C-alpha atoms as a PDB file:
ATOM      1  CA  MET A   1      11.386 -16.707 -18.894  1.00  0.00           C
ATOM      2  CA  VAL A   2       9.108 -15.748 -16.221  1.00  0.00           C
ATOM      3  CA  THR A   3       9.957 -12.903 -14.263  1.00  0.00           C
ATOM      4  CA  LYS A   4       8.945 -12.871 -10.481  1.00  0.00           C
ATOM      5  CA  SER A   5       6.806 -10.182  -8.923  1.00  0.00           C
ATOM      6  CA  ILE A   6       8.689  -8.463  -6.672  1.00  0.00           C
ATOM      7  CA  ILE A   7       4.426  -7.995  -5.003  1.00  0.00           C
ATOM      8  CA  PRO A   8       3.483 -11.021  -3.420  1.00  0.00           C
ATOM      9  CA  SER A   9       0.213 -12.243  -4.374  1.00  0.00           C
ATOM     10  CA  LEU A  10      -1.539  -8.834  -4.632  1.00  0.00           C
ATOM     11  CA  ASP A  11      -4.900 -10.830  -3.195  1.00  0.00           C
ATOM     12  CA  SER A  12      -3.542 -11.782  -0.012  1.00  0.00           C
ATOM     13  CA  LEU A  13      -1.096  -8.842   1.015  1.00  0.00           C
ATOM     14  CA  PHE A  14      -3.671  -7.399   3.467  1.00  0.00           C
ATOM     15  CA  GLY A  15      -6.871  -9.895   3.753  1.00  0.00           C
ATOM     16  CA  GLU A  16     -10.161  -8.730   3.738  1.00  0.00           C
ATOM     17  CA  ALA A  17      -9.123  -5.352   5.185  1.00  0.00           C
ATOM     18  CA  VAL A  18     -11.048  -2.524   3.446  1.00  0.00           C
ATOM     19  CA  TYR A  19      -8.691   0.272   4.870  1.00  0.00           C
ATOM     20  CA  ILE A  20      -4.915  -0.035   6.166  1.00  0.00           C
ATOM     21  CA  SER A  21      -2.405   1.489   7.961  1.00  0.00           C
ATOM     22  CA  ALA A  22       0.669   2.939   6.982  1.00  0.00           C
ATOM     23  CA  ARG A  23       2.485   0.570   9.137  1.00  0.00           C
ATOM     24  CA  LYS A  24       1.289  -2.144   7.601  1.00  0.00           C
ATOM     25  CA  ILE A  25       1.797  -1.274   3.693  1.00  0.00           C
ATOM     26  CA  ALA A  26       5.053  -1.229   4.977  1.00  0.00           C
ATOM     27  CA  GLN A  27       5.280  -4.210   6.381  1.00  0.00           C
ATOM     28  CA  ALA A  28       3.979  -5.763   3.094  1.00  0.00           C
ATOM     29  CA  VAL A  29       6.248  -4.427   0.749  1.00  0.00           C
ATOM     30  CA  GLU A  30       9.266  -4.191   3.317  1.00  0.00           C
ATOM     31  CA  THR A  31       9.960  -0.831   3.812  1.00  0.00           C
ATOM     32  CA  SER A  32       9.484   2.088   6.482  1.00  0.00           C
ATOM     33  CA  GLU A  33       6.262   4.635   7.064  1.00  0.00           C
ATOM     34  CA  THR A  34       8.156   7.453   6.313  1.00  0.00           C
ATOM     35  CA  THR A  35       8.670   5.823   2.707  1.00  0.00           C
ATOM     36  CA  VAL A  36       5.280   4.937   2.536  1.00  0.00           C
ATOM     37  CA  TRP A  37       3.868   8.507   3.474  1.00  0.00           C
ATOM     38  CA  ARG A  38       6.680   9.835   0.841  1.00  0.00           C
ATOM     39  CA  TRP A  39       5.222   7.444  -1.829  1.00  0.00           C
ATOM     40  CA  SER A  40       1.785   9.092  -0.983  1.00  0.00           C
ATOM     41  CA  LYS A  41       2.772  12.963  -1.130  1.00  0.00           C
ATOM     42  CA  SER A  42       4.475  11.795  -4.349  1.00  0.00           C
ATOM     43  CA  GLY A  43       1.679  10.058  -5.976  1.00  0.00           C
ATOM     44  CA  LYS A  44       3.407   6.644  -6.416  1.00  0.00           C
ATOM     45  CA  LEU A  45       0.460   5.546  -3.744  1.00  0.00           C
ATOM     46  CA  PRO A  46      -2.873   6.612  -3.460  1.00  0.00           C
ATOM     47  CA  LYS A  47      -3.980   9.470  -1.040  1.00  0.00           C
ATOM     48  CA  PRO A  48      -4.896   8.488   2.513  1.00  0.00           C
ATOM     49  CA  TYR A  49      -8.176   8.872   3.759  1.00  0.00           C
ATOM     50  CA  LYS A  50      -8.758  10.955   7.297  1.00  0.00           C
ATOM     51  CA  LEU A  51     -11.257   8.506   9.208  1.00  0.00           C
ATOM     52  CA  GLY A  52     -11.209  10.338  12.376  1.00  0.00           C
ATOM     53  CA  GLU A  53      -8.856  12.244  15.260  1.00  0.00           C
ATOM     54  CA  GLY A  54      -5.569  10.550  14.429  1.00  0.00           C
ATOM     55  CA  THR A  55      -7.098   7.700  12.350  1.00  0.00           C
ATOM     56  CA  THR A  56      -5.106   7.891   8.272  1.00  0.00           C
ATOM     57  CA  ARG A  57      -5.904   4.545   6.418  1.00  0.00           C
ATOM     58  CA  TRP A  58      -5.859   4.242   2.652  1.00  0.00           C
ATOM     59  CA  ARG A  59      -7.866   1.827   0.855  1.00  0.00           C
ATOM     60  CA  ALA A  60      -6.568  -1.677   0.589  1.00  0.00           C
ATOM     61  CA  ASP A  61      -7.859  -1.644  -3.217  1.00  0.00           C
ATOM     62  CA  GLU A  62      -6.276   1.182  -4.509  1.00  0.00           C
ATOM     63  CA  VAL A  63      -2.793   0.042  -2.508  1.00  0.00           C
ATOM     64  CA  CYS A  64      -2.827  -2.884  -4.300  1.00  0.00           C
ATOM     65  CA  ALA A  65      -3.614  -1.264  -7.650  1.00  0.00           C
ATOM     66  CA  ALA A  66      -1.010   1.253  -7.336  1.00  0.00           C
ATOM     67  CA  LEU A  67       1.721  -1.630  -5.911  1.00  0.00           C
ATOM     68  CA  ALA A  68       0.664  -3.450  -9.179  1.00  0.00           C
ATOM     69  CA  LYS A  69       1.013  -0.484 -11.340  1.00  0.00           C
ATOM     70  CA  LEU A  70       5.083   0.026  -9.865  1.00  0.00           C
ATOM     71  CA  ALA A  71       5.596  -3.757 -10.015  1.00  0.00           C
ATOM     72  CA  ALA A  72       5.002  -3.618 -13.896  1.00  0.00           C
END
């Protein structure tokens, strides 16, 4: 029996992006931005990077790895 992953093809979730926003993560996993921040704070997702004034992003490769771990 084949089990369908809850994460649709991790390679195509964020395209070629290196850094992604909470909004993009939330859209990809169909949840709210608040949940993304909560997961980051609890360690389910990696900590974000502060790229400048008012710009906080996550590395796409780190997020994909964390989501794959959560799906397993």
